[in-house]
């Protein structure tokens, strides 16, 4: 276990060496704890088709586990909706919360491998912040990740990725993500 703790992801060491000093200089922070950092990344996958076939939910959860390297938590319906043939307690989605090493590894794969593979990619919207320093983006196809074998999947799923930071404002969070080389379109 000691070996796993000594390993530091590429983006984390880049954050410590380059990004922290750059943010401290730009925003004139007086305290080290004021410098924004990544808190967590939440990956969510909605599986509406699972209402008709529960095997689809299992397949989507297996794919999400392969992408993130962590077991997903199933999202269950809170209410029954007759017009959607939905009953309370049915699995209709899955989510994973990534922190620490897994978060940096996932972010590295997202920025260097997955986003360049997105069809007709013109950059990320720089306005998708929530007002509290968190950034959300959506992918239409989960097959852009290298962990997914295109020949073995039965359906293509979309996913939402929320990058949560400790930045108090959107401008500080935007600068943090720009330093991480997020491909924002101008």
Protein backbone atom coordinates (compact mmCIF):
# COMPACT_ATOMS: atom_id res chain seq x y z
CA UNK A 1 0.00 0.00 0.00
CA UNK A 2 2.93 2.32 0.60
CA UNK A 3 3.84 2.15 -3.11
CA UNK A 4 0.40 3.31 -4.21
CA UNK A 5 0.58 6.36 -1.94
CA UNK A 6 4.01 7.42 -3.24
CA UNK A 7 2.71 7.59 -6.84
CA UNK A 8 1.60 11.06 -7.88
CA UNK A 9 -0.42 11.63 -11.08
CA UNK A 10 1.06 13.87 -13.77
CA UNK A 11 -1.63 16.56 -13.41
CA UNK A 12 -1.28 16.68 -9.61
CA UNK A 13 2.46 17.29 -9.76
CA UNK A 14 1.83 19.89 -12.50
CA UNK A 15 -0.71 21.56 -10.18
CA UNK A 16 1.80 21.71 -7.33
CA UNK A 17 4.76 22.87 -9.44
CA UNK A 18 3.19 25.27 -11.98
CA UNK A 19 -0.51 25.98 -11.44
CA UNK A 20 -0.52 26.93 -7.72
CA UNK A 21 2.20 29.59 -8.07
CA UNK A 22 0.54 31.00 -11.22
CA UNK A 23 -2.85 31.32 -9.50
CA UNK A 24 -1.27 32.82 -6.37
CA UNK A 25 0.44 35.47 -8.46
CA UNK A 26 -2.59 36.27 -10.63
CA UNK A 27 -5.14 36.64 -7.81
CA UNK A 28 -2.70 37.91 -5.12
CA UNK A 29 -3.64 35.31 -2.52
CA UNK A 30 -2.13 35.90 0.92
CA UNK A 31 -2.86 32.44 2.29
CA UNK A 32 -1.96 29.10 0.65
CA UNK A 33 -5.42 27.72 1.48
CA UNK A 34 -7.08 30.41 -0.65
CA UNK A 35 -5.61 28.95 -3.83
CA UNK A 36 -8.36 27.02 -5.67
CA UNK A 37 -7.90 23.29 -6.22
CA UNK A 38 -9.89 20.41 -7.65
CA UNK A 39 -12.20 18.91 -5.04
CA UNK A 40 -13.93 16.07 -6.89
CA UNK A 41 -15.27 14.96 -10.26
CA UNK A 42 -18.76 13.48 -10.47
CA UNK A 43 -19.56 11.34 -13.52
CA UNK A 44 -23.27 10.71 -14.06
CA UNK A 45 -24.93 8.47 -16.62
CA UNK A 46 -28.70 8.55 -17.18
CA UNK A 47 -30.12 5.22 -18.33
CA UNK A 48 -33.73 5.91 -19.31
CA UNK A 49 -33.93 2.76 -21.44
CA UNK A 50 -33.39 0.66 -18.30
CA UNK A 51 -37.13 0.97 -17.59
CA UNK A 52 -37.85 -1.53 -20.35
CA UNK A 53 -34.76 -3.71 -19.88
CA UNK A 54 -32.84 -3.94 -16.60
CA UNK A 55 -29.88 -5.57 -18.37
CA UNK A 56 -29.15 -2.20 -20.01
CA UNK A 57 -28.61 -0.64 -16.59
CA UNK A 58 -26.10 -3.36 -15.71
CA UNK A 59 -24.27 -2.89 -19.03
CA UNK A 60 -24.10 0.88 -18.57
CA UNK A 61 -22.85 0.50 -14.99
CA UNK A 62 -20.17 -1.93 -16.18
CA UNK A 63 -19.04 0.59 -18.82
CA UNK A 64 -19.01 3.43 -16.26
CA UNK A 65 -16.91 1.30 -13.90
CA UNK A 66 -14.44 0.61 -16.72
CA UNK A 67 -14.17 4.30 -17.59
CA UNK A 68 -13.72 5.59 -14.04
CA UNK A 69 -12.00 2.65 -12.36
CA UNK A 70 -14.52 2.75 -9.52
CA UNK A 71 -17.81 0.97 -8.85
CA UNK A 72 -20.77 3.21 -9.74
CA UNK A 73 -23.65 3.94 -7.40
CA UNK A 74 -27.04 3.18 -8.98
CA UNK A 75 -29.53 6.08 -9.11
CA UNK A 76 -33.05 4.92 -8.37
CA UNK A 77 -36.40 6.47 -9.23
CA UNK A 78 -37.94 8.35 -6.29
CA UNK A 79 -41.50 8.27 -7.62
CA UNK A 80 -43.60 6.02 -9.82
CA UNK A 81 -44.66 7.61 -13.12
CA UNK A 82 -47.23 5.54 -14.99
CA UNK A 83 -46.84 7.31 -18.35
CA UNK A 84 -43.10 6.44 -18.38
CA UNK A 85 -43.77 2.88 -17.07
CA UNK A 86 -41.50 3.81 -14.18
CA UNK A 87 -41.83 2.34 -10.70
CA UNK A 88 -40.34 3.67 -7.50
CA UNK A 89 -36.95 2.11 -6.78
CA UNK A 90 -36.09 1.18 -10.39
CA UNK A 91 -32.51 1.86 -11.46
CA UNK A 92 -32.55 4.73 -13.98
CA UNK A 93 -28.97 5.96 -13.78
CA UNK A 94 -25.54 5.57 -12.25
CA UNK A 95 -22.98 7.95 -10.81
CA UNK A 96 -19.39 7.90 -9.60
CA UNK A 97 -17.64 10.45 -7.40
CA UNK A 98 -13.89 10.54 -8.03
CA UNK A 99 -11.41 12.07 -5.61
CA UNK A 100 -7.62 12.24 -5.16
CA UNK A 101 -5.52 10.01 -7.46
CA UNK A 102 -8.46 8.58 -9.45
CA UNK A 103 -9.79 12.10 -10.05
CA UNK A 104 -6.48 13.29 -11.54
CA UNK A 105 -6.10 10.12 -13.62
CA UNK A 106 -9.64 10.46 -15.01
CA UNK A 107 -9.11 14.15 -15.78
CA UNK A 108 -5.87 13.36 -17.59
CA UNK A 109 -7.61 10.72 -19.77
CA UNK A 110 -10.55 13.08 -20.39
CA UNK A 111 -8.36 15.98 -21.55
CA UNK A 112 -5.71 14.08 -23.51
CA UNK A 113 -7.61 11.15 -25.02
CA UNK A 114 -11.42 11.43 -24.78
CA UNK A 115 -12.13 15.06 -25.75
CA UNK A 116 -9.88 15.00 -28.85
CA UNK A 117 -11.81 11.89 -30.01
CA UNK A 118 -15.21 13.65 -29.82
CA UNK A 119 -16.74 14.10 -33.25
CA UNK A 120 -16.93 17.76 -34.44
CA UNK A 121 -15.29 19.00 -31.24
CA UNK A 122 -14.94 22.79 -31.20
CA UNK A 123 -13.92 23.26 -27.59
CA UNK A 124 -15.76 23.43 -24.28
CA UNK A 125 -18.25 26.17 -23.47
CA UNK A 126 -16.56 28.64 -21.10
CA UNK A 127 -19.95 29.62 -19.65
CA UNK A 128 -20.94 26.25 -18.15
CA UNK A 129 -20.08 27.29 -14.60
CA UNK A 130 -22.69 27.24 -11.84
CA UNK A 131 -21.78 30.46 -10.01
CA UNK A 132 -19.88 28.65 -7.24
CA UNK A 133 -16.81 27.55 -9.18
CA UNK A 134 -18.03 24.18 -10.49
CA UNK A 135 -17.92 23.26 -14.18
CA UNK A 136 -20.27 20.85 -15.96
CA UNK A 137 -19.91 19.27 -19.38
CA UNK A 138 -21.78 16.59 -21.23
CA UNK A 139 -20.61 13.91 -23.63
CA UNK A 140 -23.02 12.33 -26.10
CA UNK A 141 -21.03 9.12 -26.50
CA UNK A 142 -19.16 7.19 -23.84
CA UNK A 143 -17.17 5.34 -26.52
CA UNK A 144 -14.62 8.18 -26.75
CA UNK A 145 -12.86 6.70 -23.71
CA UNK A 146 -10.14 4.15 -24.54
CA UNK A 147 -11.41 1.68 -21.90
CA UNK A 148 -14.55 0.99 -23.95
CA UNK A 149 -14.23 -1.61 -26.70
CA UNK A 150 -16.54 -0.47 -29.49
CA UNK A 151 -17.23 -4.04 -30.65
CA UNK A 152 -18.44 -5.22 -27.24
CA UNK A 153 -21.04 -2.55 -26.46
CA UNK A 154 -24.72 -2.87 -27.33
CA UNK A 155 -25.68 0.79 -26.90
CA UNK A 156 -24.02 4.21 -26.77
CA UNK A 157 -24.67 6.20 -23.59
CA UNK A 158 -24.27 9.89 -22.84
CA UNK A 159 -22.71 11.14 -19.64
CA UNK A 160 -22.44 14.29 -17.55
CA UNK A 161 -19.12 15.23 -15.99
CA UNK A 162 -19.06 17.82 -13.19
CA UNK A 163 -15.69 19.18 -12.09
CA UNK A 164 -16.01 20.58 -8.55
CA UNK A 165 -13.39 23.07 -7.38
CA UNK A 166 -12.80 24.98 -4.15
CA UNK A 167 -12.82 28.30 -6.04
CA UNK A 168 -15.35 30.80 -4.64
CA UNK A 169 -16.01 32.47 -8.01
CA UNK A 170 -16.39 31.33 -11.60
CA UNK A 171 -13.49 33.51 -12.77
CA UNK A 172 -11.08 31.82 -10.37
CA UNK A 173 -12.38 28.37 -11.33
CA UNK A 174 -12.13 29.22 -15.04
CA UNK A 175 -8.50 30.27 -14.58
CA UNK A 176 -7.77 27.05 -12.64
CA UNK A 177 -9.24 24.90 -15.42
CA UNK A 178 -7.43 26.95 -18.10
CA UNK A 179 -4.18 26.19 -16.27
CA UNK A 180 -5.11 22.49 -16.44
CA UNK A 181 -5.29 22.93 -20.25
CA UNK A 182 -9.11 22.63 -20.55
CA UNK A 183 -9.85 23.31 -24.25
CA UNK A 184 -12.28 26.22 -23.83
CA UNK A 185 -13.44 27.83 -27.05
CA UNK A 186 -12.90 31.59 -27.08
